[in-house]
C-alpha atoms as a PDB file:
ATOM      1  CA  MET A   1      11.262  -6.874 -13.620  1.00  0.00           C
ATOM      2  CA  ARG A   2      15.036  -6.412 -13.724  1.00  0.00           C
ATOM      3  CA  LYS A   3      14.930  -4.751 -10.213  1.00  0.00           C
ATOM      4  CA  SER A   4      12.236  -6.810  -8.476  1.00  0.00           C
ATOM      5  CA  GLY A   5      12.498 -10.237  -9.983  1.00  0.00           C
ATOM      6  CA  PRO A   6      15.668 -10.571 -12.136  1.00  0.00           C
ATOM      7  CA  GLU A   7      15.405 -14.374 -12.068  1.00  0.00           C
ATOM      8  CA  ASN A   8      12.033 -13.959 -13.977  1.00  0.00           C
ATOM      9  CA  VAL A   9      13.378 -11.955 -16.854  1.00  0.00           C
ATOM     10  CA  GLN A  10      13.749 -15.073 -19.021  1.00  0.00           C
ATOM     11  CA  TYR A  11       9.999 -15.389 -18.983  1.00  0.00           C
ATOM     12  CA  VAL A  12       9.193 -11.903 -20.208  1.00  0.00           C
ATOM     13  CA  ASP A  13       8.628 -13.116 -23.774  1.00  0.00           C
ATOM     14  CA  GLN A  14       6.104 -15.804 -22.612  1.00  0.00           C
ATOM     15  CA  PHE A  15       4.094 -13.307 -20.530  1.00  0.00           C
ATOM     16  CA  TYR A  16       0.626 -12.203 -21.552  1.00  0.00           C
ATOM     17  CA  LEU A  17      -2.245 -10.589 -19.762  1.00  0.00           C
ATOM     18  CA  ARG A  18      -5.205 -12.748 -19.343  1.00  0.00           C
ATOM     19  CA  PRO A  19      -8.328 -10.655 -19.301  1.00  0.00           C
ATOM     20  CA  PRO A  20     -10.627 -11.303 -16.277  1.00  0.00           C
ATOM     21  CA  SER A  21     -13.865 -13.179 -16.611  1.00  0.00           C
ATOM     22  CA  ILE A  22     -15.390 -11.457 -13.575  1.00  0.00           C
ATOM     23  CA  THR A  23     -14.970  -7.866 -12.762  1.00  0.00           C
ATOM     24  CA  PHE A  24     -16.376  -5.315 -10.298  1.00  0.00           C
ATOM     25  CA  SER A  25     -15.966  -1.665  -9.509  1.00  0.00           C
ATOM     26  CA  GLU A  26     -16.716  -1.283  -5.792  1.00  0.00           C
ATOM     27  CA  LYS A  27     -17.868  -4.491  -4.194  1.00  0.00           C
ATOM     28  CA  LEU A  28     -18.270  -8.181  -5.041  1.00  0.00           C
ATOM     29  CA  ASN A  29     -19.658 -10.738  -2.654  1.00  0.00           C
ATOM     30  CA  LEU A  30     -18.642 -14.547  -3.205  1.00  0.00           C
ATOM     31  CA  TYR A  31     -20.220 -17.306  -1.233  1.00  0.00           C
ATOM     32  CA  LEU A  32     -18.412 -20.591  -0.518  1.00  0.00           C
ATOM     33  CA  GLY A  33     -20.036 -22.951   1.892  1.00  0.00           C
ATOM     34  CA  LYS A  34     -20.637 -21.115   5.196  1.00  0.00           C
ATOM     35  CA  HIS A  35     -18.289 -18.310   4.200  1.00  0.00           C
ATOM     36  CA  THR A  36     -18.874 -14.938   2.645  1.00  0.00           C
ATOM     37  CA  PHE A  37     -15.980 -13.228   0.824  1.00  0.00           C
ATOM     38  CA  HIS A  38     -16.539  -9.533   0.540  1.00  0.00           C
ATOM     39  CA  LEU A  39     -14.210  -8.075  -2.160  1.00  0.00           C
ATOM     40  CA  ILE A  40     -14.041  -4.311  -1.600  1.00  0.00           C
ATOM     41  CA  HIS A  41     -12.235  -1.822  -3.681  1.00  0.00           C
ATOM     42  CA  MET A  42      -9.955   0.317  -1.450  1.00  0.00           C
ATOM     43  CA  PRO A  43      -7.582   2.473  -3.286  1.00  0.00           C
ATOM     44  CA  GLY A  44      -4.553   3.660  -1.546  1.00  0.00           C
ATOM     45  CA  HIS A  45      -1.264   1.793  -1.877  1.00  0.00           C
ATOM     46  CA  SER A  46      -2.301   1.735  -5.593  1.00  0.00           C
ATOM     47  CA  PRO A  47      -5.385   2.792  -7.308  1.00  0.00           C
ATOM     48  CA  TYR A  48      -6.505  -0.993  -7.586  1.00  0.00           C
ATOM     49  CA  GLN A  49      -6.211  -2.246  -4.061  1.00  0.00           C
ATOM     50  CA  ILE A  50      -8.787  -4.753  -2.965  1.00  0.00           C
ATOM     51  CA  ALA A  51      -9.611  -5.929   0.696  1.00  0.00           C
ATOM     52  CA  VAL A  52     -11.131  -9.363   1.154  1.00  0.00           C
ATOM     53  CA  TYR A  53     -13.329  -9.479   4.253  1.00  0.00           C
ATOM     54  CA  ILE A  54     -14.536 -12.774   5.701  1.00  0.00           C
ATOM     55  CA  PRO A  55     -16.868 -11.886   8.459  1.00  0.00           C
ATOM     56  CA  GLU A  56     -17.399 -15.412   9.633  1.00  0.00           C
ATOM     57  CA  GLU A  57     -13.735 -15.482  10.511  1.00  0.00           C
ATOM     58  CA  LYS A  58     -13.306 -11.966  11.604  1.00  0.00           C
ATOM     59  CA  VAL A  59     -10.412 -11.662   9.034  1.00  0.00           C
ATOM     60  CA  VAL A  60      -9.645  -9.007   6.461  1.00  0.00           C
ATOM     61  CA  MET A  61      -6.844  -9.564   3.841  1.00  0.00           C
ATOM     62  CA  THR A  62      -5.834  -5.963   3.297  1.00  0.00           C
ATOM     63  CA  SER A  63      -3.500  -6.149   0.246  1.00  0.00           C
ATOM     64  CA  ASP A  64      -0.794  -3.464   0.614  1.00  0.00           C
ATOM     65  CA  ASN A  65      -2.963  -0.915   2.371  1.00  0.00           C
ATOM     66  CA  ILE A  66      -1.620  -2.440   5.514  1.00  0.00           C
ATOM     67  CA  ILE A  67       2.183  -2.985   5.759  1.00  0.00           C
ATOM     68  CA  CYS A  68       2.903  -3.975   9.372  1.00  0.00           C
ATOM     69  CA  ARG A  69       5.944  -2.440  10.783  1.00  0.00           C
ATOM     70  CA  LEU A  70       7.955  -2.448   7.631  1.00  0.00           C
ATOM     71  CA  GLN A  71       9.064   0.431   5.402  1.00  0.00           C
ATOM     72  CA  PRO A  72       6.081   1.093   3.024  1.00  0.00           C
ATOM     73  CA  GLY A  73       6.520   1.764  -0.673  1.00  0.00           C
ATOM     74  CA  LEU A  74       4.390   4.621  -1.979  1.00  0.00           C
ATOM     75  CA  HIS A  75       5.429   4.396  -5.657  1.00  0.00           C
ATOM     76  CA  GLN A  76       1.788   4.153  -6.843  1.00  0.00           C
ATOM     77  CA  ALA A  77       0.119   5.696  -3.741  1.00  0.00           C
ATOM     78  CA  LEU A  78      -3.039   7.804  -3.648  1.00  0.00           C
ATOM     79  CA  PRO A  79      -2.270   9.039  -0.142  1.00  0.00           C
ATOM     80  CA  TYR A  80      -5.714  10.774   0.639  1.00  0.00           C
ATOM     81  CA  HIS A  81      -7.556   7.711  -0.746  1.00  0.00           C
ATOM     82  CA  TRP A  82      -5.284   5.405   1.391  1.00  0.00           C
ATOM     83  CA  LEU A  83      -6.287   7.231   4.526  1.00  0.00           C
ATOM     84  CA  GLU A  84     -10.009   6.992   3.652  1.00  0.00           C
ATOM     85  CA  SER A  85      -9.517   3.240   2.911  1.00  0.00           C
ATOM     86  CA  LEU A  86      -7.813   2.736   6.251  1.00  0.00           C
ATOM     87  CA  ASP A  87     -10.855   4.261   7.954  1.00  0.00           C
ATOM     88  CA  ARG A  88     -13.120   1.925   5.980  1.00  0.00           C
ATOM     89  CA  LEU A  89     -10.926  -1.110   7.204  1.00  0.00           C
ATOM     90  CA  ALA A  90     -11.384   0.072  10.718  1.00  0.00           C
ATOM     91  CA  ALA A  91     -15.082   0.408  10.274  1.00  0.00           C
ATOM     92  CA  LEU A  92     -15.368  -3.296   9.411  1.00  0.00           C
ATOM     93  CA  GLY A  93     -14.926  -3.927  13.132  1.00  0.00           C
ATOM     94  CA  ASP A  94     -12.529  -5.893  15.385  1.00  0.00           C
ATOM     95  CA  ASN A  95     -10.822  -8.185  12.867  1.00  0.00           C
ATOM     96  CA  LYS A  96      -7.469  -9.703  12.340  1.00  0.00           C
ATOM     97  CA  LEU A  97      -5.717  -8.016   9.451  1.00  0.00           C
ATOM     98  CA  ILE A  98      -3.550  -9.972   7.048  1.00  0.00           C
ATOM     99  CA  PRO A  99      -1.305  -7.372   5.564  1.00  0.00           C
ATOM    100  CA  GLY A 100       0.464  -7.275   2.198  1.00  0.00           C
ATOM    101  CA  HIS A 101       3.739  -7.361   4.018  1.00  0.00           C
ATOM    102  CA  GLY A 102       4.613  -7.874   7.591  1.00  0.00           C
ATOM    103  CA  SER A 103       3.031  -9.573  10.522  1.00  0.00           C
ATOM    104  CA  ILE A 104      -0.654 -10.333  10.993  1.00  0.00           C
ATOM    105  CA  CYS A 105      -2.053  -7.502  13.148  1.00  0.00           C
ATOM    106  CA  ASP A 106      -5.455  -6.227  14.310  1.00  0.00           C
ATOM    107  CA  VAL A 107      -7.393  -3.089  13.808  1.00  0.00           C
ATOM    108  CA  GLY A 108      -5.369  -1.419  16.604  1.00  0.00           C
ATOM    109  CA  TYR A 109      -2.584  -1.010  14.057  1.00  0.00           C
ATOM    110  CA  ILE A 110      -4.542   1.177  11.721  1.00  0.00           C
ATOM    111  CA  PRO A 111      -3.832   4.442  13.525  1.00  0.00           C
ATOM    112  CA  GLU A 112      -0.087   3.709  13.299  1.00  0.00           C
ATOM    113  CA  MET A 113      -0.495   2.925   9.656  1.00  0.00           C
ATOM    114  CA  LYS A 114      -2.381   6.177   9.092  1.00  0.00           C
ATOM    115  CA  ALA A 115       0.324   8.014  10.840  1.00  0.00           C
ATOM    116  CA  ILE A 116       2.987   6.671   8.539  1.00  0.00           C
ATOM    117  CA  ILE A 117       0.994   7.738   5.490  1.00  0.00           C
ATOM    118  CA  SER A 118       0.154  11.169   6.958  1.00  0.00           C
ATOM    119  CA  ASP A 119       3.765  11.736   8.047  1.00  0.00           C
ATOM    120  CA  TRP A 120       5.079  11.025   4.497  1.00  0.00           C
ATOM    121  CA  THR A 121       2.372  13.143   2.900  1.00  0.00           C
ATOM    122  CA  ASN A 122       2.848  16.099   5.251  1.00  0.00           C
ATOM    123  CA  ALA A 123       6.640  16.070   4.837  1.00  0.00           C
ATOM    124  CA  VAL A 124       6.551  16.073   1.049  1.00  0.00           C
ATOM    125  CA  LYS A 125       3.708  18.664   1.140  1.00  0.00           C
ATOM    126  CA  THR A 126       5.767  20.909   3.414  1.00  0.00           C
ATOM    127  CA  ALA A 127       8.832  20.550   0.953  1.00  0.00           C
ATOM    128  CA  ILE A 128       6.661  21.645  -1.923  1.00  0.00           C
ATOM    129  CA  GLU A 129       5.225  24.568   0.059  1.00  0.00           C
ATOM    130  CA  ASN A 130       8.825  25.610   1.034  1.00  0.00           C
ATOM    131  CA  GLY A 131       9.744  25.615  -2.661  1.00  0.00           C
ATOM    132  CA  MET A 132      12.088  22.582  -2.642  1.00  0.00           C
ATOM    133  CA  SER A 133      12.683  20.922  -5.834  1.00  0.00           C
ATOM    134  CA  LEU A 134      12.150  17.108  -6.134  1.00  0.00           C
ATOM    135  CA  GLU A 135      15.973  16.568  -5.860  1.00  0.00           C
ATOM    136  CA  GLU A 136      16.227  18.712  -2.756  1.00  0.00           C
ATOM    137  CA  ALA A 137      13.318  16.815  -1.222  1.00  0.00           C
ATOM    138  CA  LYS A 138      14.943  13.412  -1.906  1.00  0.00           C
ATOM    139  CA  LYS A 139      18.187  14.751  -0.089  1.00  0.00           C
ATOM    140  CA  THR A 140      16.101  16.138   2.815  1.00  0.00           C
ATOM    141  CA  ILE A 141      13.200  13.751   3.608  1.00  0.00           C
ATOM    142  CA  SER A 142      13.722  10.329   5.038  1.00  0.00           C
ATOM    143  CA  PHE A 143      11.718   7.987   7.276  1.00  0.00           C
ATOM    144  CA  ALA A 144      14.387   5.250   7.137  1.00  0.00           C
ATOM    145  CA  ASP A 145      14.552   5.255  10.965  1.00  0.00           C
ATOM    146  CA  ARG A 146      10.962   4.479  11.374  1.00  0.00           C
ATOM    147  CA  TYR A 147      10.821   0.938   9.997  1.00  0.00           C
ATOM    148  CA  PRO A 148      13.242  -1.516   8.418  1.00  0.00           C
ATOM    149  CA  MET A 149      12.973  -2.790   4.782  1.00  0.00           C
ATOM    150  CA  GLU A 150      11.387  -6.178   4.465  1.00  0.00           C
ATOM    151  CA  GLU A 151      13.861  -8.922   4.412  1.00  0.00           C
ATOM    152  CA  GLY A 152      14.912  -9.818   0.887  1.00  0.00           C
ATOM    153  CA  HIS A 153      13.383  -6.815  -0.683  1.00  0.00           C
ATOM    154  CA  PRO A 154      15.073  -6.105  -4.003  1.00  0.00           C
ATOM    155  CA  LEU A 155      15.306  -2.317  -3.510  1.00  0.00           C
ATOM    156  CA  THR A 156      17.516  -0.481  -1.024  1.00  0.00           C
ATOM    157  CA  MET A 157      16.057   1.802   1.609  1.00  0.00           C
ATOM    158  CA  GLU A 158      17.343   4.772  -0.336  1.00  0.00           C
ATOM    159  CA  GLN A 159      15.616   3.664  -3.515  1.00  0.00           C
ATOM    160  CA  VAL A 160      12.245   3.073  -1.724  1.00  0.00           C
ATOM    161  CA  GLN A 161      12.548   6.546   0.058  1.00  0.00           C
ATOM    162  CA  HIS A 162      13.301   8.276  -3.355  1.00  0.00           C
ATOM    163  CA  GLU A 163      10.377   6.402  -5.063  1.00  0.00           C
ATOM    164  CA  ASN A 164       8.055   7.461  -2.201  1.00  0.00           C
ATOM    165  CA  ILE A 165       9.087  11.112  -2.407  1.00  0.00           C
ATOM    166  CA  THR A 166       8.911  11.067  -6.275  1.00  0.00           C
ATOM    167  CA  ARG A 167       5.368   9.677  -6.192  1.00  0.00           C
ATOM    168  CA  LEU A 168       4.099  11.994  -3.478  1.00  0.00           C
ATOM    169  CA  TYR A 169       5.760  15.040  -5.122  1.00  0.00           C
ATOM    170  CA  GLU A 170       3.897  14.127  -8.378  1.00  0.00           C
ATOM    171  CA  VAL A 171       0.536  13.613  -6.685  1.00  0.00           C
ATOM    172  CA  LEU A 172       0.798  16.641  -4.386  1.00  0.00           C
ATOM    173  CA  LYS A 173       2.018  19.129  -7.058  1.00  0.00           C
ATOM    174  CA  GLN A 174      -1.181  18.663  -8.973  1.00  0.00           C
END
């Protein structure tokens, strides 16, 4: 909270989790008028990502599994699940994608997003295979030149890069 929303620290004492009244594990369909909202569990950016597909509008709200042409944060990532979820998003058809961050795009962006996740994963995997420590990997690996940080993001490029490497190192060392 102090990093990502310091202006909200004053509300921490008033915060409480409200348990959901509706839950699902894989899919949930909601119907509103002439529209169907398919809520689909698609782990990747985090274990709990959900895509909302509205077939009548040919639109998918992707959560953070799509970050369009901005530096992605992988601090909770499940990289191999992420790649599978991107394939599942593509399988929904020719839709507009409303990303968690960045500009609206279409399914044509999915290969680029997959390449980003694969490149990050492969770089950290190679570092581990070459016997690099986490600290050495943080000094060596960078994709800062690929995409900029989102304007107004509370973390620096270096912080995001280090968080990405730390998470992938943790996941891939298992």
